[in-house]
């Protein structure tokens, strides 16, 4: 009889142990829930992944990461990444995506709203249909479609039709409790062309992406080999953006390359990432620059851009307009000298850490690139200046500025 008695006691102890373990688990979960309730919830509404907007992904990744790293004890950060509806036929840009963006996403936003909401792309400001405007922040990066249609941008106008959907989005931007602009240039455009109240706009400069760094000489050689680029005797000039982004001013870059090929005593090639169009190939053929051009296919991840930056001698960026200007900032953070236009926000980002001239001044652009390709010390000077300049753009500072806005909106005060 002793053995059954002992088994019974052992079984009882086991049940009590299981009960205690469950109690501890429930207590831990309750503590987590209580802690979450103590922290205001920030819902970050991202673009659809199918949009494939690299700059928006870089911004959203940086914002969410910075808030978790530097404000995790103040806010519960929840990223909202929508998925397209599956029951509507079609591919990206088709009916399925239109319905998903304009009908489904607002419904999704209503279900996932937080104590404060942050729409990372002004193109999705229509989410304010279902979000509390007084507790919603919208980041505006640029007004290119509207400014181009109005004829306010130099260079060729590529918006012959009124950008109705963009204007609709801007109408919702005006309702937001706070609008964050990437630059003073964008803030000015918002006031002049969008009718936003200046007092509800905050300028905050995003930080350098975490993947930006300076490679060693061995890493740079390996990066060139991996992309099939020539050795370091050949000077490489990087241009960024697709031909659909007409404001990147690529035709001017080709004309600069043509002059450099004629005047440089060393081999020169121009490097560009992404796809190609018939018009682009035709331009290369007309100028005879196809042998001096290297096209790198679309990268599978934007962090691979660090390999590209560290493979080239300089970045040529004569853009007609930029709301912020990620490529010059990324290039400087990777130790690459930059030559840019003096248009829109670029002077704010580059300052005196790079060469700068008018976007249509082919002669000055050519002289500037030539001076950086000589490798006579000027390039090293701009490399150091660029690294110091890029170090001023940190996600820690950005997170602090954004958290101040969140606190103001949660407290019912003005964001400025």
Protein backbone atom coordinates (compact mmCIF):
# COMPACT_ATOMS: atom_id res chain seq x y z
CA UNK A 1 0.00 0.00 0.00
CA UNK A 2 2.99 2.29 0.48
CA UNK A 3 3.89 2.40 -3.16
CA UNK A 4 0.49 3.60 -4.39
CA UNK A 5 0.50 6.16 -1.63
CA UNK A 6 3.86 7.48 -2.78
CA UNK A 7 2.68 7.60 -6.41
CA UNK A 8 -0.37 9.53 -5.37
CA UNK A 9 1.74 12.09 -3.52
CA UNK A 10 4.11 12.39 -6.47
CA UNK A 11 1.21 12.94 -8.84
CA UNK A 12 -0.17 15.63 -6.57
CA UNK A 13 3.18 17.40 -6.42
CA UNK A 14 3.37 17.29 -10.21
CA UNK A 15 -0.08 18.83 -10.56
CA UNK A 16 0.79 21.57 -8.08
CA UNK A 17 4.06 22.23 -9.97
CA UNK A 18 2.17 22.52 -13.27
CA UNK A 19 -0.35 24.85 -11.67
CA UNK A 20 2.45 27.02 -10.27
CA UNK A 21 4.16 27.12 -13.67
CA UNK A 22 0.91 28.17 -15.37
CA UNK A 23 0.37 30.85 -12.73
CA UNK A 24 3.85 32.21 -13.31
CA UNK A 25 3.28 32.18 -17.08
CA UNK A 26 -0.05 33.98 -16.76
CA UNK A 27 1.54 36.50 -14.41
CA UNK A 28 4.34 37.15 -16.90
CA UNK A 29 1.82 37.62 -19.71
CA UNK A 30 -0.23 39.94 -17.52
CA UNK A 31 2.88 41.97 -16.74
CA UNK A 32 3.65 42.25 -20.46
CA UNK A 33 0.08 43.31 -21.20
CA UNK A 34 0.15 45.83 -18.35
CA UNK A 35 3.44 47.21 -19.60
CA UNK A 36 2.07 47.51 -23.13
CA UNK A 37 -1.00 49.32 -21.84
CA UNK A 38 1.29 51.70 -19.96
CA UNK A 39 3.08 52.62 -23.20
CA UNK A 40 1.23 54.54 -25.91
CA UNK A 41 0.99 52.50 -29.07
CA UNK A 42 2.49 53.95 -32.26
CA UNK A 43 1.15 52.43 -35.47
CA UNK A 44 3.49 52.95 -38.41
CA UNK A 45 1.67 52.56 -41.71
CA UNK A 46 4.05 51.45 -44.45
CA UNK A 47 3.71 51.18 -48.23
CA UNK A 48 2.72 47.95 -49.91
CA UNK A 49 5.82 45.86 -50.59
CA UNK A 50 4.54 45.51 -54.16
CA UNK A 51 5.08 49.24 -54.67
CA UNK A 52 8.84 48.53 -54.64
CA UNK A 53 9.68 52.04 -53.53
CA UNK A 54 13.18 51.65 -52.17
CA UNK A 55 13.41 55.11 -50.63
CA UNK A 56 10.17 54.55 -48.70
CA UNK A 57 11.46 51.21 -47.43
CA UNK A 58 14.72 52.81 -46.30
CA UNK A 59 12.81 55.53 -44.49
CA UNK A 60 10.29 53.18 -42.84
CA UNK A 61 13.03 50.76 -41.74
CA UNK A 62 15.06 53.59 -40.28
CA UNK A 63 12.11 55.18 -38.48
CA UNK A 64 10.84 51.94 -36.94
CA UNK A 65 14.33 50.81 -35.95
CA UNK A 66 15.18 54.14 -34.37
CA UNK A 67 11.97 54.24 -32.35
CA UNK A 68 12.59 50.74 -31.02
CA UNK A 69 16.24 51.45 -30.24
CA UNK A 70 15.89 54.88 -28.70
CA UNK A 71 12.26 55.14 -27.59
CA UNK A 72 11.34 51.55 -26.76
CA UNK A 73 10.78 52.47 -23.14
CA UNK A 74 8.29 55.20 -24.12
CA UNK A 75 6.23 53.72 -26.94
CA UNK A 76 5.04 50.38 -28.22
CA UNK A 77 6.02 50.45 -31.88
CA UNK A 78 3.80 48.47 -34.28
CA UNK A 79 4.60 48.37 -37.99
CA UNK A 80 1.61 47.88 -40.25
CA UNK A 81 2.53 46.26 -43.56
CA UNK A 82 -0.58 45.62 -45.68
CA UNK A 83 -0.98 42.75 -48.13
CA UNK A 84 -2.90 43.07 -51.41
CA UNK A 85 -6.29 41.43 -51.61
CA UNK A 86 -6.03 37.94 -53.05
CA UNK A 87 -9.54 37.49 -54.43
CA UNK A 88 -9.22 40.34 -56.96
CA UNK A 89 -7.38 39.25 -60.14
CA UNK A 90 -4.47 41.23 -61.50
CA UNK A 91 -0.90 42.21 -60.76
CA UNK A 92 0.89 45.25 -59.34
CA UNK A 93 -0.53 48.46 -60.81
CA UNK A 94 -3.71 46.71 -61.86
CA UNK A 95 -7.22 46.66 -60.46
CA UNK A 96 -6.14 44.47 -57.54
CA UNK A 97 -3.60 47.01 -56.30
CA UNK A 98 -5.93 49.97 -56.87
CA UNK A 99 -8.64 48.36 -54.77
CA UNK A 100 -6.11 47.28 -52.15
CA UNK A 101 -4.62 50.76 -51.84
CA UNK A 102 -7.76 52.84 -51.93
CA UNK A 103 -10.43 50.65 -50.33
CA UNK A 104 -8.82 47.85 -48.37
CA UNK A 105 -5.93 49.78 -46.76
CA UNK A 106 -8.18 52.41 -45.08
CA UNK A 107 -10.28 49.56 -43.63
CA UNK A 108 -7.09 47.83 -42.50
CA UNK A 109 -5.85 51.09 -40.93
CA UNK A 110 -9.05 51.49 -38.93
CA UNK A 111 -8.51 48.06 -37.35
CA UNK A 112 -4.83 48.71 -36.57
CA UNK A 113 -4.83 52.33 -35.46
CA UNK A 114 -2.79 53.25 -32.40
CA UNK A 115 -2.73 55.94 -29.77
CA UNK A 116 -0.76 57.86 -32.37
CA UNK A 117 -0.41 56.96 -36.04
CA UNK A 118 2.39 57.66 -38.49
CA UNK A 119 1.86 57.42 -42.26
CA UNK A 120 5.38 57.17 -43.70
CA UNK A 121 4.44 58.07 -47.28
CA UNK A 122 2.29 61.07 -48.17
CA UNK A 123 0.91 59.06 -51.09
CA UNK A 124 -1.09 57.09 -48.51
CA UNK A 125 -2.46 60.12 -46.68
CA UNK A 126 -5.96 58.95 -47.69
CA UNK A 127 -5.69 56.58 -44.69
CA UNK A 128 -6.83 59.62 -42.71
CA UNK A 129 -10.32 58.66 -43.87
CA UNK A 130 -10.33 56.14 -41.03
CA UNK A 131 -7.63 57.45 -38.68
CA UNK A 132 -7.99 60.24 -36.13
CA UNK A 133 -6.36 63.24 -37.87
CA UNK A 134 -5.49 64.88 -34.54
CA UNK A 135 -3.39 61.86 -33.62
CA UNK A 136 -1.83 61.17 -36.99
CA UNK A 137 1.53 62.22 -38.43
CA UNK A 138 2.19 62.21 -42.17
CA UNK A 139 5.71 62.40 -43.57
CA UNK A 140 5.91 64.29 -46.87
CA UNK A 141 8.99 63.61 -48.96
CA UNK A 142 8.39 65.68 -52.10
CA UNK A 143 5.69 67.22 -54.30
CA UNK A 144 7.17 66.25 -57.67
CA UNK A 145 3.94 65.30 -59.54
CA UNK A 146 2.16 68.51 -58.53
CA UNK A 147 5.14 70.82 -59.10
CA UNK A 148 5.90 69.23 -62.45
CA UNK A 149 2.30 69.55 -63.65
CA UNK A 150 2.24 73.19 -62.58
CA UNK A 151 5.44 73.85 -64.51
CA UNK A 152 7.33 74.82 -61.35
CA UNK A 153 10.26 72.48 -61.99
CA UNK A 154 13.03 73.15 -64.49
CA UNK A 155 13.76 70.56 -67.12
CA UNK A 156 11.24 68.54 -69.13
CA UNK A 157 7.73 68.25 -67.70
CA UNK A 158 6.57 64.64 -67.52
CA UNK A 159 3.10 65.15 -66.01
CA UNK A 160 0.96 66.36 -68.93
CA UNK A 161 -2.22 65.40 -67.08
CA UNK A 162 -3.40 66.74 -63.78
CA UNK A 163 -2.21 64.43 -60.93
CA UNK A 164 -5.69 63.93 -59.49
CA UNK A 165 -4.82 61.10 -57.10
CA UNK A 166 -1.79 62.99 -55.82
CA UNK A 167 -3.89 66.09 -55.21
CA UNK A 168 -6.40 63.91 -53.39
CA UNK A 169 -3.63 62.64 -51.11
CA UNK A 170 -2.43 66.18 -50.44
CA UNK A 171 -5.96 67.13 -49.46
CA UNK A 172 -5.75 64.58 -46.66
CA UNK A 173 -2.25 65.77 -45.71
CA UNK A 174 -3.77 69.12 -44.77
CA UNK A 175 -5.95 67.36 -42.18
CA UNK A 176 -3.08 65.68 -40.32
CA UNK A 177 -2.29 66.72 -36.77
CA UNK A 178 1.32 67.16 -37.82
CA UNK A 179 3.17 67.03 -41.11
CA UNK A 180 6.85 66.06 -41.10
CA UNK A 181 8.88 67.40 -44.03
CA UNK A 182 12.23 65.89 -45.01
CA UNK A 183 13.72 69.31 -45.71
CA UNK A 184 13.14 73.06 -45.56
CA UNK A 185 12.66 72.92 -49.32
CA UNK A 186 9.77 70.48 -48.96
CA UNK A 187 8.28 72.53 -46.12
CA UNK A 188 8.31 75.61 -48.34
CA UNK A 189 6.63 73.69 -51.16
CA UNK A 190 3.94 72.42 -48.79
CA UNK A 191 3.06 75.95 -47.71
CA UNK A 192 3.16 77.49 -51.19
CA UNK A 193 1.59 74.74 -53.28
CA UNK A 194 -0.38 72.54 -50.89
CA UNK A 195 -1.92 75.15 -48.61
CA UNK A 196 -0.61 73.51 -45.43
CA UNK A 197 -0.39 75.63 -42.31
CA UNK A 198 3.24 76.45 -41.61
CA UNK A 199 2.66 75.96 -37.88
CA UNK A 200 1.71 72.30 -38.38
CA UNK A 201 4.84 71.39 -40.35
CA UNK A 202 8.01 70.14 -38.68
CA UNK A 203 11.27 69.70 -40.58
CA UNK A 204 13.26 66.64 -39.54
CA UNK A 205 16.16 65.16 -41.49
CA UNK A 206 16.22 61.34 -41.59
CA UNK A 207 19.37 59.52 -40.57
CA UNK A 208 21.97 57.62 -42.57
CA UNK A 209 20.97 53.99 -43.29
CA UNK A 210 22.72 51.55 -40.98
CA UNK A 211 24.31 49.66 -43.87
CA UNK A 212 26.35 52.65 -45.05
CA UNK A 213 30.04 52.32 -44.21
CA UNK A 214 33.51 52.75 -45.70
CA UNK A 215 35.06 49.56 -47.05
CA UNK A 216 38.68 48.53 -46.81
CA UNK A 217 40.77 48.41 -49.99
CA UNK A 218 40.38 44.63 -50.11
CA UNK A 219 36.61 44.86 -49.70
CA UNK A 220 36.40 47.43 -52.47
CA UNK A 221 38.35 45.20 -54.85
CA UNK A 222 36.10 42.27 -54.01
CA UNK A 223 32.97 44.40 -54.55
CA UNK A 224 34.20 45.38 -58.01
CA UNK A 225 34.89 41.78 -58.89
CA UNK A 226 31.46 40.66 -57.69
CA UNK A 227 29.74 43.13 -60.01
CA UNK A 228 32.06 42.40 -62.91
CA UNK A 229 33.46 45.94 -62.84
CA UNK A 230 36.93 46.79 -64.19
CA UNK A 231 39.95 47.23 -61.92
CA UNK A 232 40.84 50.47 -60.18
CA UNK A 233 42.77 51.85 -63.12
CA UNK A 234 39.36 52.55 -64.64
CA UNK A 235 37.52 55.48 -63.08
CA UNK A 236 33.88 54.75 -62.29
CA UNK A 237 31.13 57.36 -62.04
CA UNK A 238 27.87 56.33 -60.40
CA UNK A 239 24.42 57.66 -61.32
CA UNK A 240 21.26 56.51 -59.56
CA UNK A 241 17.53 56.34 -60.28
CA UNK A 242 15.47 54.97 -63.13
CA UNK A 243 14.67 56.68 -66.42
CA UNK A 244 11.09 57.00 -65.18
CA UNK A 245 12.45 59.47 -62.65
CA UNK A 246 13.05 62.10 -65.31
CA UNK A 247 14.06 64.67 -62.68
CA UNK A 248 17.28 62.71 -62.07
CA UNK A 249 18.54 64.38 -65.26
CA UNK A 250 20.26 61.34 -66.77
CA UNK A 251 20.62 62.80 -70.30
CA UNK A 252 22.93 65.43 -68.81
CA UNK A 253 24.95 62.66 -67.15
CA UNK A 254 25.46 60.98 -70.54
CA UNK A 255 26.67 64.25 -72.08
CA UNK A 256 29.10 64.71 -69.19
CA UNK A 257 30.38 61.18 -69.76
CA UNK A 258 30.91 61.90 -73.46
CA UNK A 259 33.12 64.87 -72.64
CA UNK A 260 35.07 62.93 -70.04
CA UNK A 261 35.77 60.06 -72.43
CA UNK A 262 37.32 62.56 -74.83
CA UNK A 263 39.39 64.45 -72.25
CA UNK A 264 40.44 61.96 -69.55
CA UNK A 265 43.85 60.26 -69.83
CA UNK A 266 42.49 57.17 -68.06
CA UNK A 267 39.61 54.80 -68.85
CA UNK A 268 36.24 56.11 -67.66
CA UNK A 269 32.96 54.28 -67.29
CA UNK A 270 29.57 55.22 -65.89
CA UNK A 271 27.66 52.81 -63.63
CA UNK A 272 23.91 52.65 -63.14
CA UNK A 273 21.62 50.20 -61.36
CA UNK A 274 18.12 49.08 -62.30
CA UNK A 275 16.32 48.23 -65.52
CA UNK A 276 16.69 49.80 -68.95
CA UNK A 277 14.18 51.13 -71.45
CA UNK A 278 14.21 51.44 -75.21
CA UNK A 279 14.60 55.23 -74.90
CA UNK A 280 17.61 54.79 -72.62
CA UNK A 281 19.36 52.39 -75.01
CA UNK A 282 18.59 54.75 -77.88
CA UNK A 283 20.20 57.65 -76.00
CA UNK A 284 23.34 55.60 -75.38
CA UNK A 285 23.50 54.61 -79.05
CA UNK A 286 23.01 58.19 -80.27
CA UNK A 287 25.83 59.47 -78.09
CA UNK A 288 28.11 56.50 -78.73
CA UNK A 289 28.49 55.92 -75.00
CA UNK A 290 27.26 52.33 -74.83
CA UNK A 291 30.82 50.89 -74.60
CA UNK A 292 31.53 53.22 -71.68
CA UNK A 293 28.41 52.33 -69.71
CA UNK A 294 27.90 49.56 -67.16
CA UNK A 295 24.34 48.56 -66.31
CA UNK A 296 23.91 46.61 -63.07
CA UNK A 297 20.59 44.72 -62.81
CA UNK A 298 18.15 45.57 -60.07
CA UNK A 299 19.60 44.62 -56.70
CA UNK A 300 17.76 42.05 -54.62
CA UNK A 301 18.22 44.17 -51.51
CA UNK A 302 18.92 47.87 -51.04
CA UNK A 303 21.70 47.14 -48.54
CA UNK A 304 23.75 45.93 -51.52
CA UNK A 305 24.05 49.59 -52.53
CA UNK A 306 26.92 49.84 -50.05
CA UNK A 307 28.89 47.54 -52.38
CA UNK A 308 28.07 49.81 -55.32
CA UNK A 309 29.06 53.01 -53.55
CA UNK A 310 32.35 51.53 -52.39
CA UNK A 311 33.15 50.40 -55.93
CA UNK A 312 33.03 53.82 -57.60
CA UNK A 313 35.14 56.96 -57.59
CA UNK A 314 32.32 59.50 -57.30
CA UNK A 315 28.57 60.06 -57.46
CA UNK A 316 27.19 62.34 -60.18
CA UNK A 317 23.77 63.63 -59.13
CA UNK A 318 22.63 66.66 -61.20
CA UNK A 319 18.99 66.28 -60.22
CA UNK A 320 16.42 68.90 -61.20
CA UNK A 321 14.59 68.43 -57.91
CA UNK A 322 14.87 66.39 -54.70
CA UNK A 323 12.68 66.46 -51.62
CA UNK A 324 15.55 65.06 -49.58
CA UNK A 325 18.30 63.35 -51.57
CA UNK A 326 19.14 59.89 -50.25
CA UNK A 327 21.89 58.99 -52.77
CA UNK A 328 24.23 61.90 -51.92
CA UNK A 329 23.81 61.22 -48.19
CA UNK A 330 24.43 57.49 -48.63
CA UNK A 331 27.43 58.13 -50.86
CA UNK A 332 29.01 60.55 -48.37
CA UNK A 333 28.44 58.03 -45.55
CA UNK A 334 30.28 55.43 -47.66
CA UNK A 335 33.23 57.77 -48.24
CA UNK A 336 32.38 58.58 -51.86
CA UNK A 337 32.89 62.16 -53.12
CA UNK A 338 29.75 63.69 -54.61
CA UNK A 339 28.96 66.31 -57.21
CA UNK A 340 25.35 67.43 -57.24
CA UNK A 341 23.10 70.15 -58.55
CA UNK A 342 22.27 73.15 -56.39
CA UNK A 343 18.53 72.54 -56.76
CA UNK A 344 15.82 72.20 -54.11
CA UNK A 345 16.94 70.36 -50.95
CA UNK A 346 20.40 69.24 -52.10
CA UNK A 347 22.27 72.25 -50.62
CA UNK A 348 20.68 71.37 -47.26
CA UNK A 349 21.94 67.80 -47.41
CA UNK A 350 25.36 68.18 -49.02
CA UNK A 351 26.34 71.64 -47.81
CA UNK A 352 29.99 72.37 -48.55
CA UNK A 353 30.96 68.70 -48.34
CA UNK A 354 30.59 68.19 -52.10
CA UNK A 355 30.89 69.98 -55.41
CA UNK A 356 27.75 71.75 -56.55
CA UNK A 357 26.57 73.59 -59.66
CA UNK A 358 23.48 74.19 -61.79
CA UNK A 359 21.83 70.99 -63.07
CA UNK A 360 22.12 72.06 -66.72
CA UNK A 361 25.71 73.36 -66.58
CA UNK A 362 27.41 70.52 -68.45
CA UNK A 363 30.78 72.28 -68.56
CA UNK A 364 30.97 72.81 -64.79
CA UNK A 365 29.67 69.32 -64.07
CA UNK A 366 32.36 67.87 -66.35
CA UNK A 367 35.09 69.91 -64.67
CA UNK A 368 33.88 68.85 -61.25
CA UNK A 369 33.81 65.14 -62.07
CA UNK A 370 37.23 65.38 -63.74
CA UNK A 371 38.73 66.97 -60.63
CA UNK A 372 37.40 64.13 -58.46
CA UNK A 373 38.65 61.43 -60.85
CA UNK A 374 42.22 62.75 -60.85
CA UNK A 375 42.88 61.23 -57.41
CA UNK A 376 45.31 64.01 -56.57
CA UNK A 377 44.07 64.68 -53.04
CA UNK A 378 40.90 66.64 -53.79
CA UNK A 379 38.84 63.47 -53.78
CA UNK A 380 40.25 62.52 -50.37
CA UNK A 381 39.43 65.96 -49.03
CA UNK A 382 35.82 65.64 -50.12
CA UNK A 383 35.70 62.09 -48.80
CA UNK A 384 36.58 63.35 -45.31
CA UNK A 385 34.23 66.31 -45.59
CA UNK A 386 31.42 64.02 -46.72
CA UNK A 387 31.91 61.61 -43.83
CA UNK A 388 31.75 64.48 -41.34
CA UNK A 389 28.66 65.88 -43.02
CA UNK A 390 26.88 62.52 -43.10
CA UNK A 391 27.62 61.98 -39.41
CA UNK A 392 25.26 64.88 -38.65
CA UNK A 393 22.29 62.89 -39.95
CA UNK A 394 21.50 60.39 -37.21
CA UNK A 395 18.41 58.31 -36.50
CA UNK A 396 18.81 58.99 -32.77
CA UNK A 397 18.23 62.71 -33.28
CA UNK A 398 15.41 61.96 -35.71
CA UNK A 399 13.71 59.63 -33.23
CA UNK A 400 13.91 62.29 -30.51
CA UNK A 401 12.25 64.85 -32.79
CA UNK A 402 9.51 62.44 -33.84
CA UNK A 403 8.84 61.37 -30.23
CA UNK A 404 8.32 65.00 -29.27
CA UNK A 405 5.64 65.19 -31.96
CA UNK A 406 4.00 61.98 -30.74
CA UNK A 407 3.94 63.30 -27.14
CA UNK A 408 2.34 66.54 -28.28
CA UNK A 409 -0.40 64.81 -30.26
CA UNK A 410 -1.16 62.34 -27.48
CA UNK A 411 -1.36 65.24 -25.05
CA UNK A 412 -3.71 67.14 -27.34
CA UNK A 413 -1.25 69.97 -27.99
CA UNK A 414 0.12 71.41 -31.23
CA UNK A 415 3.02 69.51 -32.76
CA UNK A 416 5.10 72.68 -33.24
